[in-house]
PDB file of N, CA and C in Angstrom:
ATOM      1  N   UNK A   1      97.553  89.358 118.999  1.00  0.00           N
ATOM      2  CA  UNK A   1      98.020  89.970 117.993  1.00  0.00           C
ATOM      3  C   UNK A   1      97.002  90.021 116.698  1.00  0.00           C
ATOM      4  N   UNK A   2      97.304  91.489 116.106  1.00  0.00           N
ATOM      5  CA  UNK A   2      96.658  91.243 114.927  1.00  0.00           C
ATOM      6  C   UNK A   2      97.579  91.109 113.540  1.00  0.00           C
ATOM      7  N   UNK A   3      97.004  91.163 112.469  1.00  0.00           N
ATOM      8  CA  UNK A   3      97.934  90.653 111.348  1.00  0.00           C
ATOM      9  C   UNK A   3      98.891  91.614 111.374  1.00  0.00           C
ATOM     10  N   UNK A   4      98.617  93.045 111.415  1.00  0.00           N
ATOM     11  CA  UNK A   4     100.223  94.001 111.038  1.00  0.00           C
ATOM     12  C   UNK A   4     101.033  93.244 112.094  1.00  0.00           C
ATOM     13  N   UNK A   5     100.539  93.322 113.356  1.00  0.00           N
ATOM     14  CA  UNK A   5     102.052  92.666 114.216  1.00  0.00           C
ATOM     15  C   UNK A   5     102.607  91.564 113.936  1.00  0.00           C
ATOM     16  N   UNK A   6     101.995  90.367 113.135  1.00  0.00           N
ATOM     17  CA  UNK A   6     102.498  89.378 113.067  1.00  0.00           C
ATOM     18  C   UNK A   6     103.134  89.678 111.320  1.00  0.00           C
ATOM     19  N   UNK A   7     102.574  90.327 110.496  1.00  0.00           N
ATOM     20  CA  UNK A   7     103.642  91.115 109.724  1.00  0.00           C
ATOM     21  C   UNK A   7     104.939  91.719 110.152  1.00  0.00           C
ATOM     22  N   UNK A   8     104.802  92.601 111.546  1.00  0.00           N
ATOM     23  CA  UNK A   8     105.911  93.264 111.657  1.00  0.00           C
ATOM     24  C   UNK A   8     106.902  92.147 112.299  1.00  0.00           C
ATOM     25  N   UNK A   9     106.956  91.299 113.049  1.00  0.00           N
ATOM     26  CA  UNK A   9     107.312  90.132 113.560  1.00  0.00           C
ATOM     27  C   UNK A   9     108.309  89.839 112.567  1.00  0.00           C
ATOM     28  N   UNK A  10     107.216  89.076 111.522  1.00  0.00           N
ATOM     29  CA  UNK A  10     107.822  88.520 110.245  1.00  0.00           C
ATOM     30  C   UNK A  10     109.086  89.286 109.632  1.00  0.00           C
ATOM     31  N   UNK A  11     109.005  90.431 109.363  1.00  0.00           N
ATOM     32  CA  UNK A  11     109.958  91.394 109.004  1.00  0.00           C
ATOM     33  C   UNK A  11     110.968  91.564 110.083  1.00  0.00           C
ATOM     34  N   UNK A  12     111.023  91.264 111.286  1.00  0.00           N
ATOM     35  CA  UNK A  12     112.040  91.693 112.189  1.00  0.00           C
ATOM     36  C   UNK A  12     112.886  90.472 112.019  1.00  0.00           C
ATOM     37  N   UNK A  13     112.369  89.158 112.214  1.00  0.00           N
ATOM     38  CA  UNK A  13     112.800  87.843 111.774  1.00  0.00           C
ATOM     39  C   UNK A  13     113.641  87.912 110.728  1.00  0.00           C
ATOM     40  N   UNK A  14     112.582  88.137 109.581  1.00  0.00           N
ATOM     41  CA  UNK A  14     113.759  87.794 108.147  1.00  0.00           C
ATOM     42  C   UNK A  14     114.910  89.199 108.484  1.00  0.00           C
ATOM     43  N   UNK A  15     114.827  89.958 109.060  1.00  0.00           N
ATOM     44  CA  UNK A  15     115.851  90.903 108.862  1.00  0.00           C
ATOM     45  C   UNK A  15     117.108  90.148 110.321  1.00  0.00           C
ATOM     46  N   UNK A  16     116.823  89.708 110.979  1.00  0.00           N
ATOM     47  CA  UNK A  16     117.737  89.137 111.973  1.00  0.00           C
ATOM     48  C   UNK A  16     118.322  87.754 111.127  1.00  0.00           C
ATOM     49  N   UNK A  17     117.730  87.144 110.035  1.00  0.00           N
ATOM     50  CA  UNK A  17     118.078  86.148 109.630  1.00  0.00           C
ATOM     51  C   UNK A  17     119.096  86.624 108.347  1.00  0.00           C
ATOM     52  N   UNK A  18     118.916  87.566 107.467  1.00  0.00           N
ATOM     53  CA  UNK A  18     120.072  88.596 106.816  1.00  0.00           C
ATOM     54  C   UNK A  18     121.278  88.718 108.134  1.00  0.00           C
ATOM     55  N   UNK A  19     121.238  89.086 109.145  1.00  0.00           N
ATOM     56  CA  UNK A  19     122.327  89.464 110.031  1.00  0.00           C
ATOM     57  C   UNK A  19     123.064  88.484 110.352  1.00  0.00           C
ATOM     58  N   UNK A  20     122.428  87.626 110.852  1.00  0.00           N
ATOM     59  CA  UNK A  20     122.927  85.920 111.046  1.00  0.00           C
ATOM     60  C   UNK A  20     124.079  85.922 109.732  1.00  0.00           C
ATOM     61  N   UNK A  21     123.364  85.415 108.472  1.00  0.00           N
ATOM     62  CA  UNK A  21     123.843  85.321 107.054  1.00  0.00           C
ATOM     63  C   UNK A  21     125.407  86.498 107.183  1.00  0.00           C
ATOM     64  N   UNK A  22     124.901  87.273 107.332  1.00  0.00           N
ATOM     65  CA  UNK A  22     126.703  88.254 107.430  1.00  0.00           C
ATOM     66  C   UNK A  22     127.278  87.917 108.237  1.00  0.00           C
ATOM     67  N   UNK A  23     126.909  87.463 109.312  1.00  0.00           N
ATOM     68  CA  UNK A  23     127.848  86.952 110.554  1.00  0.00           C
ATOM     69  C   UNK A  23     128.419  85.805 110.163  1.00  0.00           C
ATOM     70  N   UNK A  24     127.846  84.663 109.317  1.00  0.00           N
ATOM     71  CA  UNK A  24     128.425  83.650 109.222  1.00  0.00           C
ATOM     72  C   UNK A  24     129.361  83.657 107.931  1.00  0.00           C
ATOM     73  N   UNK A  25     129.052  84.744 106.643  1.00  0.00           N
ATOM     74  CA  UNK A  25     129.992  85.404 105.793  1.00  0.00           C
ATOM     75  C   UNK A  25     131.026  85.847 106.548  1.00  0.00           C
ATOM     76  N   UNK A  26     131.116  86.507 107.485  1.00  0.00           N
ATOM     77  CA  UNK A  26     132.255  87.673 108.126  1.00  0.00           C
ATOM     78  C   UNK A  26     133.018  85.846 108.527  1.00  0.00           C
ATOM     79  N   UNK A  27     132.618  85.458 109.444  1.00  0.00           N
ATOM     80  CA  UNK A  27     133.465  83.903 109.761  1.00  0.00           C
ATOM     81  C   UNK A  27     134.177  82.947 109.108  1.00  0.00           C
ATOM     82  N   UNK A  28     133.329  82.679 107.680  1.00  0.00           N
ATOM     83  CA  UNK A  28     133.663  81.578 106.793  1.00  0.00           C
ATOM     84  C   UNK A  28     134.540  81.784 105.165  1.00  0.00           C
ATOM     85  N   UNK A  29     134.248  83.435 105.259  1.00  0.00           N
ATOM     86  CA  UNK A  29     134.485  83.595 103.800  1.00  0.00           C
ATOM     87  C   UNK A  29     136.350  83.923 103.904  1.00  0.00           C
ATOM     88  N   UNK A  30     137.013  83.470 102.689  1.00  0.00           N
ATOM     89  CA  UNK A  30     138.409  83.769 102.766  1.00  0.00           C
ATOM     90  C   UNK A  30     139.121  84.592 102.695  1.00  0.00           C
ATOM     91  N   UNK A  31     138.767  86.200 102.386  1.00  0.00           N
ATOM     92  CA  UNK A  31     139.525  86.700 102.533  1.00  0.00           C
ATOM     93  C   UNK A  31     138.695  88.282 102.509  1.00  0.00           C
ATOM     94  N   UNK A  32     139.071  89.379 102.984  1.00  0.00           N
ATOM     95  CA  UNK A  32     138.907  90.541 103.505  1.00  0.00           C
ATOM     96  C   UNK A  32     137.844  91.274 102.603  1.00  0.00           C
ATOM     97  N   UNK A  33     137.670  91.060 101.397  1.00  0.00           N
ATOM     98  CA  UNK A  33     137.249  91.768 100.517  1.00  0.00           C
ATOM     99  C   UNK A  33     135.630  90.832 100.472  1.00  0.00           C
ATOM    100  N   UNK A  34     135.805  89.800 100.231  1.00  0.00           N
ATOM    101  CA  UNK A  34     134.509  88.912 100.454  1.00  0.00           C
ATOM    102  C   UNK A  34     133.945  89.040 101.983  1.00  0.00           C
ATOM    103  N   UNK A  35     134.798  89.119 102.857  1.00  0.00           N
ATOM    104  CA  UNK A  35     133.845  89.237 104.302  1.00  0.00           C
ATOM    105  C   UNK A  35     133.139  90.583 104.086  1.00  0.00           C
ATOM    106  N   UNK A  36     133.739  91.753 103.278  1.00  0.00           N
ATOM    107  CA  UNK A  36     133.159  93.077 103.479  1.00  0.00           C
ATOM    108  C   UNK A  36     131.750  92.951 102.677  1.00  0.00           C
ATOM    109  N   UNK A  37     131.903  92.433 101.574  1.00  0.00           N
ATOM    110  CA  UNK A  37     130.951  92.341 100.826  1.00  0.00           C
ATOM    111  C   UNK A  37     129.628  91.540 101.554  1.00  0.00           C
ATOM    112  N   UNK A  38     129.979  90.539 102.347  1.00  0.00           N
ATOM    113  CA  UNK A  38     129.125  89.707 103.128  1.00  0.00           C
ATOM    114  C   UNK A  38     128.728  90.507 103.975  1.00  0.00           C
ATOM    115  N   UNK A  39     129.239  91.234 104.714  1.00  0.00           N
ATOM    116  CA  UNK A  39     128.691  92.287 105.785  1.00  0.00           C
ATOM    117  C   UNK A  39     127.824  93.550 105.253  1.00  0.00           C
ATOM    118  N   UNK A  40     128.701  93.852 104.211  1.00  0.00           N
ATOM    119  CA  UNK A  40     127.524  95.368 103.682  1.00  0.00           C
ATOM    120  C   UNK A  40     126.479  94.836 103.515  1.00  0.00           C
ATOM    121  N   UNK A  41     126.323  93.694 102.319  1.00  0.00           N
ATOM    122  CA  UNK A  41     125.186  93.422 101.726  1.00  0.00           C
ATOM    123  C   UNK A  41     124.193  92.706 102.739  1.00  0.00           C
ATOM    124  N   UNK A  42     124.516  91.883 103.654  1.00  0.00           N
ATOM    125  CA  UNK A  42     123.407  91.172 104.157  1.00  0.00           C
ATOM    126  C   UNK A  42     123.292  91.759 105.365  1.00  0.00           C
ATOM    127  N   UNK A  43     124.083  93.121 105.801  1.00  0.00           N
ATOM    128  CA  UNK A  43     123.806  93.814 107.054  1.00  0.00           C
ATOM    129  C   UNK A  43     122.803  94.830 106.158  1.00  0.00           C
ATOM    130  N   UNK A  44     122.967  95.413 105.376  1.00  0.00           N
ATOM    131  CA  UNK A  44     121.889  96.601 105.411  1.00  0.00           C
ATOM    132  C   UNK A  44     120.771  96.303 104.553  1.00  0.00           C
ATOM    133  N   UNK A  45     120.693  94.738 103.988  1.00  0.00           N
ATOM    134  CA  UNK A  45     119.057  94.430 103.737  1.00  0.00           C
ATOM    135  C   UNK A  45     118.529  94.116 104.982  1.00  0.00           C
ATOM    136  N   UNK A  46     119.521  93.474 106.160  1.00  0.00           N
ATOM    137  CA  UNK A  46     118.789  92.805 107.189  1.00  0.00           C
ATOM    138  C   UNK A  46     118.361  94.235 108.303  1.00  0.00           C
ATOM    139  N   UNK A  47     119.013  95.312 107.949  1.00  0.00           N
ATOM    140  CA  UNK A  47     118.646  96.408 108.789  1.00  0.00           C
ATOM    141  C   UNK A  47     117.157  97.245 108.159  1.00  0.00           C
ATOM    142  N   UNK A  48     117.417  96.947 106.487  1.00  0.00           N
ATOM    143  CA  UNK A  48     116.128  97.126 106.085  1.00  0.00           C
ATOM    144  C   UNK A  48     115.023  96.500 106.361  1.00  0.00           C
ATOM    145  N   UNK A  49     114.852  94.838 106.539  1.00  0.00           N
ATOM    146  CA  UNK A  49     113.825  94.275 107.108  1.00  0.00           C
ATOM    147  C   UNK A  49     113.383  94.925 107.930  1.00  0.00           C
ATOM    148  N   UNK A  50     114.402  95.464 109.143  1.00  0.00           N
ATOM    149  CA  UNK A  50     114.238  95.569 110.654  1.00  0.00           C
ATOM    150  C   UNK A  50     113.200  96.629 110.522  1.00  0.00           C
ATOM    151  N   UNK A  51     113.846  97.406 109.902  1.00  0.00           N
ATOM    152  CA  UNK A  51     113.346  98.830 109.731  1.00  0.00           C
ATOM    153  C   UNK A  51     111.514  98.800 109.173  1.00  0.00           C
ATOM    154  N   UNK A  52     111.424  98.026 107.963  1.00  0.00           N
ATOM    155  CA  UNK A  52     110.189  97.759 107.865  1.00  0.00           C
ATOM    156  C   UNK A  52     109.368  97.630 108.624  1.00  0.00           C
ATOM    157  N   UNK A  53     109.461  96.420 109.513  1.00  0.00           N
ATOM    158  CA  UNK A  53     108.777  96.014 110.262  1.00  0.00           C
ATOM    159  C   UNK A  53     109.070  96.572 111.904  1.00  0.00           C
ATOM    160  N   UNK A  54     109.825  97.695 112.023  1.00  0.00           N
ATOM    161  CA  UNK A  54     109.195  98.914 113.017  1.00  0.00           C
ATOM    162  C   UNK A  54     108.401  99.555 112.559  1.00  0.00           C
ATOM    163  N   UNK A  55     108.700 100.376 111.440  1.00  0.00           N
ATOM    164  CA  UNK A  55     107.664 101.226 110.577  1.00  0.00           C
ATOM    165  C   UNK A  55     106.589 100.628 110.388  1.00  0.00           C
ATOM    166  N   UNK A  56     105.932  99.533 110.298  1.00  0.00           N
ATOM    167  CA  UNK A  56     104.733  98.836 110.456  1.00  0.00           C
ATOM    168  C   UNK A  56     104.055  99.092 111.899  1.00  0.00           C
ATOM    169  N   UNK A  57     104.650  98.991 112.743  1.00  0.00           N
ATOM    170  CA  UNK A  57     104.201  99.375 114.154  1.00  0.00           C
ATOM    171  C   UNK A  57     104.498 100.757 114.742  1.00  0.00           C
ATOM    172  N   UNK A  58     105.054 101.644 114.031  1.00  0.00           N
ATOM    173  CA  UNK A  58     105.431 102.935 114.457  1.00  0.00           C
ATOM    174  C   UNK A  58     104.176 103.786 114.815  1.00  0.00           C
ATOM    175  N   UNK A  59     104.248 104.895 115.489  1.00  0.00           N
ATOM    176  CA  UNK A  59     102.985 105.361 115.916  1.00  0.00           C
ATOM    177  C   UNK A  59     102.459 106.531 115.071  1.00  0.00           C
ATOM    178  N   UNK A  60     103.573 107.026 114.540  1.00  0.00           N
ATOM    179  CA  UNK A  60     103.546 108.433 113.571  1.00  0.00           C
ATOM    180  C   UNK A  60     104.521 108.238 112.642  1.00  0.00           C
ATOM    181  N   UNK A  61     104.025 109.260 111.420  1.00  0.00           N
ATOM    182  CA  UNK A  61     104.639 109.265 110.325  1.00  0.00           C
ATOM    183  C   UNK A  61     105.982 109.768 110.528  1.00  0.00           C
ATOM    184  N   UNK A  62     106.565 110.272 111.333  1.00  0.00           N
ATOM    185  CA  UNK A  62     107.573 110.890 111.827  1.00  0.00           C
ATOM    186  C   UNK A  62     108.717 110.620 112.766  1.00  0.00           C
ATOM    187  N   UNK A  63     107.948 108.932 113.183  1.00  0.00           N
ATOM    188  CA  UNK A  63     108.644 107.606 113.685  1.00  0.00           C
ATOM    189  C   UNK A  63     109.248 106.893 112.391  1.00  0.00           C
ATOM    190  N   UNK A  64     108.328 106.900 111.318  1.00  0.00           N
ATOM    191  CA  UNK A  64     108.754 106.323 110.139  1.00  0.00           C
ATOM    192  C   UNK A  64     110.167 106.592 109.294  1.00  0.00           C
ATOM    193  N   UNK A  65     109.925 107.989 109.320  1.00  0.00           N
ATOM    194  CA  UNK A  65     110.662 109.115 108.482  1.00  0.00           C
ATOM    195  C   UNK A  65     112.217 108.822 109.582  1.00  0.00           C
ATOM    196  N   UNK A  66     112.051 109.207 110.626  1.00  0.00           N
ATOM    197  CA  UNK A  66     113.390 108.755 111.630  1.00  0.00           C
ATOM    198  C   UNK A  66     113.890 107.202 111.074  1.00  0.00           C
ATOM    199  N   UNK A  67     113.147 106.604 111.418  1.00  0.00           N
ATOM    200  CA  UNK A  67     113.885 104.694 111.074  1.00  0.00           C
ATOM    201  C   UNK A  67     114.105 104.735 109.694  1.00  0.00           C
ATOM    202  N   UNK A  68     113.758 105.603 108.634  1.00  0.00           N
ATOM    203  CA  UNK A  68     114.224 105.649 107.275  1.00  0.00           C
ATOM    204  C   UNK A  68     115.525 106.626 107.226  1.00  0.00           C
ATOM    205  N   UNK A  69     115.531 107.727 107.889  1.00  0.00           N
ATOM    206  CA  UNK A  69     116.736 108.366 107.600  1.00  0.00           C
ATOM    207  C   UNK A  69     117.716 107.692 108.582  1.00  0.00           C
ATOM    208  N   UNK A  70     117.747 106.759 109.396  1.00  0.00           N
ATOM    209  CA  UNK A  70     118.344 106.076 110.204  1.00  0.00           C
ATOM    210  C   UNK A  70     119.152 104.880 109.150  1.00  0.00           C
ATOM    211  N   UNK A  71     118.112 104.329 108.673  1.00  0.00           N
ATOM    212  CA  UNK A  71     118.766 103.332 107.357  1.00  0.00           C
ATOM    213  C   UNK A  71     119.785 104.117 106.633  1.00  0.00           C
ATOM    214  N   UNK A  72     119.269 104.869 106.246  1.00  0.00           N
ATOM    215  CA  UNK A  72     120.081 105.685 104.740  1.00  0.00           C
ATOM    216  C   UNK A  72     121.274 106.117 105.847  1.00  0.00           C
ATOM    217  N   UNK A  73     121.487 106.459 106.638  1.00  0.00           N
ATOM    218  CA  UNK A  73     122.516 106.693 107.181  1.00  0.00           C
ATOM    219  C   UNK A  73     123.571 105.520 107.617  1.00  0.00           C
ATOM    220  N   UNK A  74     123.216 104.753 107.993  1.00  0.00           N
ATOM    221  CA  UNK A  74     123.673 103.450 107.887  1.00  0.00           C
ATOM    222  C   UNK A  74     124.085 102.741 106.642  1.00  0.00           C
ATOM    223  N   UNK A  75     123.499 102.924 105.587  1.00  0.00           N
ATOM    224  CA  UNK A  75     123.672 102.264 104.060  1.00  0.00           C
ATOM    225  C   UNK A  75     124.661 103.354 103.487  1.00  0.00           C
ATOM    226  N   UNK A  76     124.558 104.601 104.044  1.00  0.00           N
ATOM    227  CA  UNK A  76     125.816 105.528 103.451  1.00  0.00           C
ATOM    228  C   UNK A  76     127.493 105.228 104.463  1.00  0.00           C
ATOM    229  N   UNK A  77     127.218 105.181 105.602  1.00  0.00           N
ATOM    230  CA  UNK A  77     128.116 104.489 106.273  1.00  0.00           C
ATOM    231  C   UNK A  77     129.092 103.327 106.096  1.00  0.00           C
ATOM    232  N   UNK A  78     127.924 102.557 105.543  1.00  0.00           N
ATOM    233  CA  UNK A  78     128.448 101.092 105.203  1.00  0.00           C
ATOM    234  C   UNK A  78     129.180 100.719 104.120  1.00  0.00           C
ATOM    235  N   UNK A  79     128.499 101.435 103.075  1.00  0.00           N
ATOM    236  CA  UNK A  79     129.484 101.527 101.534  1.00  0.00           C
ATOM    237  C   UNK A  79     130.654 102.179 101.863  1.00  0.00           C
ATOM    238  N   UNK A  80     130.642 103.455 102.402  1.00  0.00           N
ATOM    239  CA  UNK A  80     131.958 104.283 102.916  1.00  0.00           C
ATOM    240  C   UNK A  80     133.425 103.377 103.455  1.00  0.00           C
ATOM    241  N   UNK A  81     132.678 102.913 104.851  1.00  0.00           N
ATOM    242  CA  UNK A  81     133.407 102.053 105.266  1.00  0.00           C
ATOM    243  C   UNK A  81     133.963 100.465 104.927  1.00  0.00           C
ATOM    244  N   UNK A  82     133.092 100.227 104.295  1.00  0.00           N
ATOM    245  CA  UNK A  82     133.591  98.868 103.187  1.00  0.00           C
ATOM    246  C   UNK A  82     134.456  99.335 102.319  1.00  0.00           C
ATOM    247  N   UNK A  83     134.235 100.751 101.979  1.00  0.00           N
ATOM    248  CA  UNK A  83     135.446 101.050 100.793  1.00  0.00           C
ATOM    249  C   UNK A  83     136.700 101.363 101.181  1.00  0.00           C
ATOM    250  N   UNK A  84     136.886 102.244 102.309  1.00  0.00           N
ATOM    251  CA  UNK A  84     138.005 102.239 102.867  1.00  0.00           C
ATOM    252  C   UNK A  84     138.808 101.023 103.329  1.00  0.00           C
ATOM    253  N   UNK A  85     138.254 100.271 103.777  1.00  0.00           N
ATOM    254  CA  UNK A  85     138.662  99.309 104.316  1.00  0.00           C
ATOM    255  C   UNK A  85     139.399  98.398 103.345  1.00  0.00           C
ATOM    256  N   UNK A  86     138.332  98.412 102.274  1.00  0.00           N
ATOM    257  CA  UNK A  86     139.311  97.487 100.946  1.00  0.00           C
ATOM    258  C   UNK A  86     140.233  98.092 100.484  1.00  0.00           C
ATOM    259  N   UNK A  87     140.170  99.338 100.482  1.00  0.00           N
ATOM    260  CA  UNK A  87     141.009  99.953  99.703  1.00  0.00           C
ATOM    261  C   UNK A  87     142.427 100.172 100.639  1.00  0.00           C
ATOM    262  N   UNK A  88     142.317 100.222 102.135  1.00  0.00           N
ATOM    263  CA  UNK A  88     143.587 100.139 102.578  1.00  0.00           C
ATOM    264  C   UNK A  88     144.337  98.511 102.680  1.00  0.00           C
ATOM    265  N   UNK A  89     143.298  97.710 102.238  1.00  0.00           N
ATOM    266  CA  UNK A  89     143.734  96.618 102.095  1.00  0.00           C
ATOM    267  C   UNK A  89     144.325  95.796 101.020  1.00  0.00           C
ATOM    268  N   UNK A  90     143.908  96.596  99.798  1.00  0.00           N
ATOM    269  CA  UNK A  90     144.816  96.753  98.582  1.00  0.00           C
ATOM    270  C   UNK A  90     145.900  97.273  98.610  1.00  0.00           C
ATOM    271  N   UNK A  91     146.020  98.300  99.240  1.00  0.00           N
ATOM    272  CA  UNK A  91     147.473  99.167  99.334  1.00  0.00           C
ATOM    273  C   UNK A  91     148.206  98.585 100.202  1.00  0.00           C
ATOM    274  N   UNK A  92     147.843  98.025 101.155  1.00  0.00           N
ATOM    275  CA  UNK A  92     148.642  97.064 101.937  1.00  0.00           C
ATOM    276  C   UNK A  92     149.305  95.692 101.071  1.00  0.00           C
ATOM    277  N   UNK A  93     148.742  95.724  99.766  1.00  0.00           N
ATOM    278  CA  UNK A  93     148.986  94.246  98.997  1.00  0.00           C
ATOM    279  C   UNK A  93     148.237  92.992  99.404  1.00  0.00           C
ATOM    280  N   UNK A  94     147.273  93.157 100.008  1.00  0.00           N
ATOM    281  CA  UNK A  94     146.170  92.288 100.400  1.00  0.00           C
ATOM    282  C   UNK A  94     145.763  91.897  98.964  1.00  0.00           C
ATOM    283  N   UNK A  95     145.836  90.650  98.572  1.00  0.00           N
ATOM    284  CA  UNK A  95     145.318  90.199  97.239  1.00  0.00           C
ATOM    285  C   UNK A  95     144.113  89.536  97.636  1.00  0.00           C
ATOM    286  N   UNK A  96     142.907  89.732  96.243  1.00  0.00           N
ATOM    287  CA  UNK A  96     141.690  88.911  96.699  1.00  0.00           C
ATOM    288  C   UNK A  96     141.989  87.357  96.389  1.00  0.00           C
ATOM    289  N   UNK A  97     141.139  86.874  97.084  1.00  0.00           N
ATOM    290  CA  UNK A  97     141.395  85.374  97.325  1.00  0.00           C
ATOM    291  C   UNK A  97     140.855  84.658  95.671  1.00  0.00           C
ATOM    292  N   UNK A  98     141.226  83.686  95.083  1.00  0.00           N
ATOM    293  CA  UNK A  98     141.496  82.787  93.705  1.00  0.00           C
ATOM    294  C   UNK A  98     141.265  81.257  94.050  1.00  0.00           C
ATOM    295  N   UNK A  99     141.132  80.705  93.267  1.00  0.00           N
ATOM    296  CA  UNK A  99     140.870  79.446  93.245  1.00  0.00           C
ATOM    297  C   UNK A  99     142.112  78.704  93.866  1.00  0.00           C
ATOM    298  N   UNK A 100     143.110  79.486  92.927  1.00  0.00           N
ATOM    299  CA  UNK A 100     144.891  78.572  92.937  1.00  0.00           C
ATOM    300  C   UNK A 100     145.315  79.327  94.349  1.00  0.00           C
ATOM    301  N   UNK A 101     144.710  79.780  95.193  1.00  0.00           N
ATOM    302  CA  UNK A 101     145.483  80.148  96.700  1.00  0.00           C
ATOM    303  C   UNK A 101     144.884  79.001  98.053  1.00  0.00           C
ATOM    304  N   UNK A 102     144.180  78.262  97.053  1.00  0.00           N
ATOM    305  CA  UNK A 102     143.874  76.837  97.904  1.00  0.00           C
ATOM    306  C   UNK A 102     145.219  76.204  98.719  1.00  0.00           C
TER     307      UNK A 102
END
């Protein structure tokens, strides 16, 4: 394996770590708002790192552009979805967790 291969593998594994961290946040955080925050931030960063790893190994510039467009679409969809879900939770009267809620 070349050094570019190792670098690509490192980026993909770093992305997998952030996907795992987002999943742990989903399972461990106390309310819908902090869970959404963990998922949207960690998964977007994880996908970005995976895209960088795949872009290193891409065969053409067009493939890199496609990867970046996919990442941009996921960024927009993730932010929009998190906003819609949190707004719906707010309209249902779900309050954000505070230390007093223990």
